[in-house]
Amino acid sequence: MKRETSAGAVIFRKDEGRKYLLLHYESGHWDYVKGNVEREEEIEDTIKREAQEEAGISDLKFISGFNEKINYFYAKKDKELISKSVIFLLAETKQKEIRLSQEHVGYIWADFQNAVKQLTYPSSKDILKKAEKFLDKQQKTLKSFIRD
């Protein structure tokens, strides 16, 4: 069985609260920036390349400590079964305007509640919930540190 590895990012910006970037793929689903890891490419490099290609984002700042992975199988058009792993990191951008690639038909910046509703796949919803929890915990720790 053939194996593929992809990398993606839960990309957010702070604008009157936290907003998450969701892309509307041509096939109809809503998901994150992601793509196949190319030969000898690091995960962060893949994500930077994909963010630039898919959304025109060039100012990603990765948030250390968040690393989630999902695994699934899919069949290609020729019915070959593929085992796929996707690694997700968390990244912040200050960029608001998005330039979509041809593989997407739309995008939204959504707060957590609306983003969870908009995402198509349960695994993507789970990744977002983990990202939100991670960022909330990080924010509380920072506030506590500043007060002490």
C-alpha atoms as a PDB file:
ATOM      1  CA  MET A   1       0.000   0.000   0.000  1.00  0.00           C
ATOM      2  CA  LYS A   2       1.274   3.431  -0.906  1.00  0.00           C
ATOM      3  CA  ARG A   3       1.768   5.985   1.886  1.00  0.00           C
ATOM      4  CA  GLU A   4       1.493   9.767   1.734  1.00  0.00           C
ATOM      5  CA  THR A   5       2.371  12.434   4.277  1.00  0.00           C
ATOM      6  CA  SER A   6       0.842  15.874   4.244  1.00  0.00           C
ATOM      7  CA  ALA A   7       1.243  18.883   6.473  1.00  0.00           C
ATOM      8  CA  GLY A   8      -1.280  21.540   7.310  1.00  0.00           C
ATOM      9  CA  ALA A   9      -1.899  24.367   9.697  1.00  0.00           C
ATOM     10  CA  VAL A  10      -4.655  25.755  11.803  1.00  0.00           C
ATOM     11  CA  ILE A  11      -4.037  29.375  10.861  1.00  0.00           C
ATOM     12  CA  PHE A  12      -5.480  32.149  13.006  1.00  0.00           C
ATOM     13  CA  ARG A  13      -5.270  35.889  13.398  1.00  0.00           C
ATOM     14  CA  LYS A  14      -6.204  38.158  16.262  1.00  0.00           C
ATOM     15  CA  ASP A  15      -8.813  40.644  15.110  1.00  0.00           C
ATOM     16  CA  GLU A  16     -11.523  41.464  17.628  1.00  0.00           C
ATOM     17  CA  GLY A  17     -10.933  38.022  19.061  1.00  0.00           C
ATOM     18  CA  ARG A  18      -9.374  34.992  17.452  1.00  0.00           C
ATOM     19  CA  LYS A  19     -10.382  34.150  13.861  1.00  0.00           C
ATOM     20  CA  TYR A  20      -9.498  30.927  12.058  1.00  0.00           C
ATOM     21  CA  LEU A  21      -8.900  30.580   8.331  1.00  0.00           C
ATOM     22  CA  LEU A  22     -10.981  27.919   6.587  1.00  0.00           C
ATOM     23  CA  LEU A  23     -10.709  27.147   2.892  1.00  0.00           C
ATOM     24  CA  HIS A  24     -13.577  25.934   0.720  1.00  0.00           C
ATOM     25  CA  TYR A  25     -12.147  23.235  -1.521  1.00  0.00           C
ATOM     26  CA  GLU A  26     -13.377  22.679  -5.063  1.00  0.00           C
ATOM     27  CA  SER A  27     -14.674  19.246  -4.073  1.00  0.00           C
ATOM     28  CA  GLY A  28     -17.054  20.966  -1.637  1.00  0.00           C
ATOM     29  CA  HIS A  29     -15.503  20.462   1.789  1.00  0.00           C
ATOM     30  CA  TRP A  30     -14.166  23.076   4.218  1.00  0.00           C
ATOM     31  CA  ASP A  31     -10.740  22.508   5.734  1.00  0.00           C
ATOM     32  CA  TYR A  32      -7.321  24.007   6.482  1.00  0.00           C
ATOM     33  CA  VAL A  33      -4.321  24.935   4.364  1.00  0.00           C
ATOM     34  CA  LYS A  34      -2.483  21.678   3.712  1.00  0.00           C
ATOM     35  CA  GLY A  35      -0.555  19.719   1.133  1.00  0.00           C
ATOM     36  CA  ASN A  36       1.835  16.862   0.479  1.00  0.00           C
ATOM     37  CA  VAL A  37       5.292  17.030   1.993  1.00  0.00           C
ATOM     38  CA  GLU A  38       7.780  17.080  -0.863  1.00  0.00           C
ATOM     39  CA  ARG A  39      11.009  15.098  -0.866  1.00  0.00           C
ATOM     40  CA  GLU A  40      13.524  16.430   1.679  1.00  0.00           C
ATOM     41  CA  GLU A  41      11.107  19.141   2.835  1.00  0.00           C
ATOM     42  CA  GLU A  42      10.536  19.888   6.534  1.00  0.00           C
ATOM     43  CA  ILE A  43       6.965  20.082   7.891  1.00  0.00           C
ATOM     44  CA  GLU A  44       7.139  23.842   8.525  1.00  0.00           C
ATOM     45  CA  ASP A  45       8.529  24.411   5.019  1.00  0.00           C
ATOM     46  CA  THR A  46       5.617  22.475   3.516  1.00  0.00           C
ATOM     47  CA  ILE A  47       3.122  24.541   5.482  1.00  0.00           C
ATOM     48  CA  LYS A  48       4.780  27.831   4.489  1.00  0.00           C
ATOM     49  CA  ARG A  49       4.763  26.780   0.832  1.00  0.00           C
ATOM     50  CA  GLU A  50       1.146  25.627   0.948  1.00  0.00           C
ATOM     51  CA  ALA A  51      -0.014  28.766   2.808  1.00  0.00           C
ATOM     52  CA  GLN A  52       1.624  30.892   0.105  1.00  0.00           C
ATOM     53  CA  GLU A  53       0.273  28.777  -2.789  1.00  0.00           C
ATOM     54  CA  GLU A  54      -3.253  28.227  -1.455  1.00  0.00           C
ATOM     55  CA  ALA A  55      -3.973  31.490   0.352  1.00  0.00           C
ATOM     56  CA  GLY A  56      -1.219  33.984  -0.480  1.00  0.00           C
ATOM     57  CA  ILE A  57      -0.067  34.071   3.161  1.00  0.00           C
ATOM     58  CA  SER A  58       3.612  34.792   3.666  1.00  0.00           C
ATOM     59  CA  ASP A  59       3.915  35.869   7.308  1.00  0.00           C
ATOM     60  CA  LEU A  60       3.244  32.713   9.323  1.00  0.00           C
ATOM     61  CA  LYS A  61       4.490  32.522  12.893  1.00  0.00           C
ATOM     62  CA  PHE A  62       4.369  28.956  14.226  1.00  0.00           C
ATOM     63  CA  ILE A  63       3.167  28.426  17.792  1.00  0.00           C
ATOM     64  CA  SER A  64       5.460  25.900  19.431  1.00  0.00           C
ATOM     65  CA  GLY A  65       4.058  22.968  21.372  1.00  0.00           C
ATOM     66  CA  PHE A  66       1.095  22.170  19.115  1.00  0.00           C
ATOM     67  CA  ASN A  67       1.486  19.147  16.872  1.00  0.00           C
ATOM     68  CA  GLU A  68      -1.473  16.955  15.936  1.00  0.00           C
ATOM     69  CA  LYS A  69      -1.670  14.069  13.503  1.00  0.00           C
ATOM     70  CA  ILE A  70      -4.549  12.332  11.765  1.00  0.00           C
ATOM     71  CA  ASN A  71      -4.433   9.136   9.716  1.00  0.00           C
ATOM     72  CA  TYR A  72      -6.903   7.872   7.155  1.00  0.00           C
ATOM     73  CA  PHE A  73      -7.216   5.857   3.970  1.00  0.00           C
ATOM     74  CA  TYR A  74      -8.528   6.955   0.616  1.00  0.00           C
ATOM     75  CA  ALA A  75      -8.832   5.463  -2.839  1.00  0.00           C
ATOM     76  CA  LYS A  76      -7.396   7.187  -5.890  1.00  0.00           C
ATOM     77  CA  LYS A  77      -9.382   7.352  -9.125  1.00  0.00           C
ATOM     78  CA  ASP A  78      -7.660   4.151 -10.261  1.00  0.00           C
ATOM     79  CA  LYS A  79      -8.905   2.554  -7.005  1.00  0.00           C
ATOM     80  CA  GLU A  80      -5.402   2.281  -5.505  1.00  0.00           C
ATOM     81  CA  LEU A  81      -5.713   2.484  -1.706  1.00  0.00           C
ATOM     82  CA  ILE A  82      -3.522   5.130  -0.052  1.00  0.00           C
ATOM     83  CA  SER A  83      -2.592   5.384   3.632  1.00  0.00           C
ATOM     84  CA  LYS A  84      -2.400   9.090   4.466  1.00  0.00           C
ATOM     85  CA  SER A  85      -0.970  10.901   7.498  1.00  0.00           C
ATOM     86  CA  VAL A  86      -1.509  14.614   7.990  1.00  0.00           C
ATOM     87  CA  ILE A  87       0.469  16.585  10.562  1.00  0.00           C
ATOM     88  CA  PHE A  88      -1.070  19.846  11.753  1.00  0.00           C
ATOM     89  CA  LEU A  89       0.741  22.729  13.360  1.00  0.00           C
ATOM     90  CA  LEU A  90      -0.670  25.971  14.704  1.00  0.00           C
ATOM     91  CA  ALA A  91       0.305  29.273  13.081  1.00  0.00           C
ATOM     92  CA  GLU A  92      -0.587  32.918  13.451  1.00  0.00           C
ATOM     93  CA  THR A  93      -0.752  35.488  10.677  1.00  0.00           C
ATOM     94  CA  LYS A  94      -1.450  39.195  10.653  1.00  0.00           C
ATOM     95  CA  GLN A  95      -2.627  39.014   7.050  1.00  0.00           C
ATOM     96  CA  LYS A  96      -6.352  39.495   6.503  1.00  0.00           C
ATOM     97  CA  GLU A  97      -6.598  39.449   2.705  1.00  0.00           C
ATOM     98  CA  ILE A  98      -6.424  36.021   1.086  1.00  0.00           C
ATOM     99  CA  ARG A  99      -5.476  35.176  -2.510  1.00  0.00           C
ATOM    100  CA  LEU A 100      -6.985  31.786  -3.277  1.00  0.00           C
ATOM    101  CA  SER A 101      -5.461  29.176  -5.551  1.00  0.00           C
ATOM    102  CA  GLN A 102      -7.500  27.491  -8.273  1.00  0.00           C
ATOM    103  CA  GLU A 103      -8.166  24.474  -6.044  1.00  0.00           C
ATOM    104  CA  HIS A 104     -10.365  26.593  -3.754  1.00  0.00           C
ATOM    105  CA  VAL A 105     -13.660  28.338  -4.350  1.00  0.00           C
ATOM    106  CA  GLY A 106     -13.863  30.400  -1.176  1.00  0.00           C
ATOM    107  CA  TYR A 107     -12.628  31.098   2.308  1.00  0.00           C
ATOM    108  CA  ILE A 108     -13.772  32.538   5.613  1.00  0.00           C
ATOM    109  CA  TRP A 109     -12.204  33.918   8.738  1.00  0.00           C
ATOM    110  CA  ALA A 110     -14.411  32.535  11.504  1.00  0.00           C
ATOM    111  CA  ASP A 111     -14.503  32.627  15.270  1.00  0.00           C
ATOM    112  CA  PHE A 112     -14.192  29.285  17.029  1.00  0.00           C
ATOM    113  CA  GLN A 113     -17.917  28.462  17.258  1.00  0.00           C
ATOM    114  CA  ASN A 114     -18.612  29.250  13.601  1.00  0.00           C
ATOM    115  CA  ALA A 115     -15.433  27.541  12.426  1.00  0.00           C
ATOM    116  CA  VAL A 116     -16.416  24.294  14.181  1.00  0.00           C
ATOM    117  CA  LYS A 117     -19.817  24.448  12.471  1.00  0.00           C
ATOM    118  CA  GLN A 118     -18.282  25.204   9.062  1.00  0.00           C
ATOM    119  CA  LEU A 119     -15.598  22.479   9.002  1.00  0.00           C
ATOM    120  CA  THR A 120     -16.692  19.384   7.116  1.00  0.00           C
ATOM    121  CA  TYR A 121     -14.782  16.510   8.718  1.00  0.00           C
ATOM    122  CA  PRO A 122     -15.004  15.398  12.366  1.00  0.00           C
ATOM    123  CA  SER A 123     -11.209  15.038  12.507  1.00  0.00           C
ATOM    124  CA  SER A 124     -10.818  18.677  11.413  1.00  0.00           C
ATOM    125  CA  LYS A 125     -13.295  19.769  14.086  1.00  0.00           C
ATOM    126  CA  ASP A 126     -11.277  17.833  16.692  1.00  0.00           C
ATOM    127  CA  ILE A 127      -8.040  19.497  15.562  1.00  0.00           C
ATOM    128  CA  LEU A 128      -9.679  22.929  15.900  1.00  0.00           C
ATOM    129  CA  LYS A 129     -10.997  22.125  19.383  1.00  0.00           C
ATOM    130  CA  LYS A 130      -7.489  21.088  20.453  1.00  0.00           C
ATOM    131  CA  ALA A 131      -5.997  24.256  18.935  1.00  0.00           C
ATOM    132  CA  GLU A 132      -8.531  26.487  20.714  1.00  0.00           C
ATOM    133  CA  LYS A 133      -7.915  24.743  24.032  1.00  0.00           C
ATOM    134  CA  PHE A 134      -4.142  25.025  23.529  1.00  0.00           C
ATOM    135  CA  LEU A 135      -4.330  28.756  22.764  1.00  0.00           C
ATOM    136  CA  ASP A 136      -6.699  29.419  25.685  1.00  0.00           C
ATOM    137  CA  LYS A 137      -4.345  27.629  28.065  1.00  0.00           C
ATOM    138  CA  GLN A 138      -1.363  29.518  26.658  1.00  0.00           C
ATOM    139  CA  GLN A 139      -3.203  32.828  27.073  1.00  0.00           C
ATOM    140  CA  LYS A 140      -4.164  32.043  30.698  1.00  0.00           C
ATOM    141  CA  THR A 141      -0.581  31.062  31.499  1.00  0.00           C
ATOM    142  CA  LEU A 142       0.694  34.308  30.017  1.00  0.00           C
ATOM    143  CA  LYS A 143      -1.829  36.386  31.987  1.00  0.00           C
ATOM    144  CA  SER A 144      -0.890  34.555  35.180  1.00  0.00           C
ATOM    145  CA  PHE A 145       2.812  35.105  34.500  1.00  0.00           C
ATOM    146  CA  ILE A 146       2.310  38.830  33.878  1.00  0.00           C
ATOM    147  CA  ARG A 147       0.297  39.260  37.121  1.00  0.00           C
ATOM    148  CA  ASP A 148       2.881  37.451  39.294  1.00  0.00           C
END
